[in-house]
Amino acid sequence: MSKYELINNKEERRYEFHVDGLKPHIDYVERGECVLYLTHTIVPPQLEGKGIGSMLVKKVLEDIDSQGKRIIPKCWFIVKYIKIHPEWEYLLYDI
């Protein structure tokens, strides 16, 4: 689906794409070894409306799933994405 490579920038604690010199990204906070708070989704205005935010969320969820981790979404964009794509609800961490 995505032609962009997902980068887990652990130093900045964010997942990102590099697109034409811009870096749309999702910030996260680790909670222990198995849970990530996904706190913000940032897509530069020049890239809005191109589906890049949704591609980024999907790639991030796939990566988190492949690690056997769960999420606590604190970002409205990610909450909305999961409501539209309920197949990802199993990644939600029960508090």
Protein backbone atom coordinates (compact mmCIF):
# COMPACT_ATOMS: atom_id res chain seq x y z
CA MET A 1 0.00 0.00 0.00
CA SER A 2 2.73 2.46 0.91
CA LYS A 3 5.64 3.41 -1.24
CA TYR A 4 7.28 5.02 1.79
CA GLU A 5 9.63 3.23 4.15
CA LEU A 6 8.58 3.27 7.79
CA ILE A 7 11.37 4.43 10.07
CA ASN A 8 11.25 3.89 13.83
CA ASN A 9 13.26 6.89 15.00
CA LYS A 10 13.88 5.64 18.54
CA GLU A 11 15.97 8.66 19.49
CA GLU A 12 13.03 11.00 18.76
CA ARG A 13 10.47 8.37 19.90
CA ARG A 14 8.49 8.53 16.70
CA TYR A 15 7.66 6.57 13.60
CA GLU A 16 8.19 8.53 10.42
CA PHE A 17 8.16 8.60 6.64
CA HIS A 18 10.55 10.75 4.63
CA VAL A 19 8.58 12.37 1.82
CA ASP A 20 10.10 15.05 -0.41
CA GLY A 21 12.24 16.39 2.43
CA LEU A 22 9.33 16.35 4.89
CA LYS A 23 8.76 13.97 7.81
CA PRO A 24 5.18 13.04 8.58
CA HIS A 25 5.30 11.15 11.87
CA ILE A 26 3.58 9.56 14.84
CA ASP A 27 5.00 10.30 18.27
CA TYR A 28 4.96 7.58 20.91
CA VAL A 29 5.76 6.93 24.54
CA GLU A 30 6.76 3.46 25.67
CA ARG A 31 4.93 2.03 28.67
CA GLY A 32 6.97 -0.94 29.76
CA GLU A 33 8.07 -3.43 27.15
CA CYS A 34 4.70 -4.26 25.62
CA VAL A 35 2.64 -1.07 25.30
CA LEU A 36 3.01 2.15 23.31
CA TYR A 37 1.03 5.33 23.81
CA LEU A 38 0.54 6.84 20.34
CA THR A 39 0.32 10.52 21.21
CA HIS A 40 0.36 12.64 18.03
CA THR A 41 0.10 12.22 14.29
CA ILE A 42 1.74 15.03 12.34
CA VAL A 43 1.39 15.45 8.58
CA PRO A 44 2.92 18.62 7.15
CA PRO A 45 0.32 20.82 5.40
CA GLN A 46 2.00 20.27 2.01
CA LEU A 47 1.18 16.55 2.28
CA GLU A 48 -2.35 16.74 3.66
CA GLY A 49 -5.17 15.15 1.67
CA LYS A 50 -2.94 12.57 -0.03
CA GLY A 51 -3.63 9.64 2.31
CA ILE A 52 -0.17 9.76 3.82
CA GLY A 53 -1.50 9.96 7.40
CA SER A 54 -3.59 6.83 6.90
CA MET A 55 -0.67 5.00 5.24
CA LEU A 56 1.53 5.97 8.17
CA VAL A 57 -0.98 4.73 10.77
CA LYS A 58 -1.41 1.41 8.94
CA LYS A 59 2.35 0.84 8.71
CA VAL A 60 2.82 1.75 12.38
CA LEU A 61 0.06 -0.64 13.48
CA GLU A 62 1.58 -3.41 11.37
CA ASP A 63 4.98 -2.81 12.95
CA ILE A 64 3.61 -2.76 16.49
CA ASP A 65 1.63 -5.93 15.80
CA SER A 66 4.73 -7.70 14.42
CA GLN A 67 6.47 -6.98 17.74
CA GLY A 68 3.59 -8.41 19.77
CA LYS A 69 2.94 -5.05 21.42
CA ARG A 70 -0.29 -3.23 22.16
CA ILE A 71 -1.30 0.44 21.92
CA ILE A 72 -3.08 3.15 23.84
CA PRO A 73 -4.06 5.77 21.24
CA LYS A 74 -4.08 9.33 22.57
CA CYS A 75 -4.32 10.91 19.14
CA TRP A 76 -7.74 11.61 17.58
CA PHE A 77 -6.49 10.64 14.11
CA ILE A 78 -5.45 7.17 15.27
CA VAL A 79 -8.67 6.70 17.26
CA LYS A 80 -10.66 7.65 14.13
CA TYR A 81 -8.57 5.32 11.94
CA ILE A 82 -9.27 2.36 14.24
CA LYS A 83 -13.00 3.16 14.30
CA ILE A 84 -13.01 3.08 10.49
CA HIS A 85 -10.81 -0.04 10.47
CA PRO A 86 -12.05 -2.14 13.43
CA GLU A 87 -9.82 -5.03 12.39
CA TRP A 88 -7.09 -3.21 14.39
CA GLU A 89 -9.08 -3.08 17.65
CA TYR A 90 -7.29 -6.16 18.97
CA LEU A 91 -4.15 -4.02 19.35
CA LEU A 92 -5.85 -1.80 21.92
CA TYR A 93 -4.48 -2.30 25.40
CA ASP A 94 -7.09 -2.78 28.12
CA ILE A 95 -6.30 -0.51 31.02
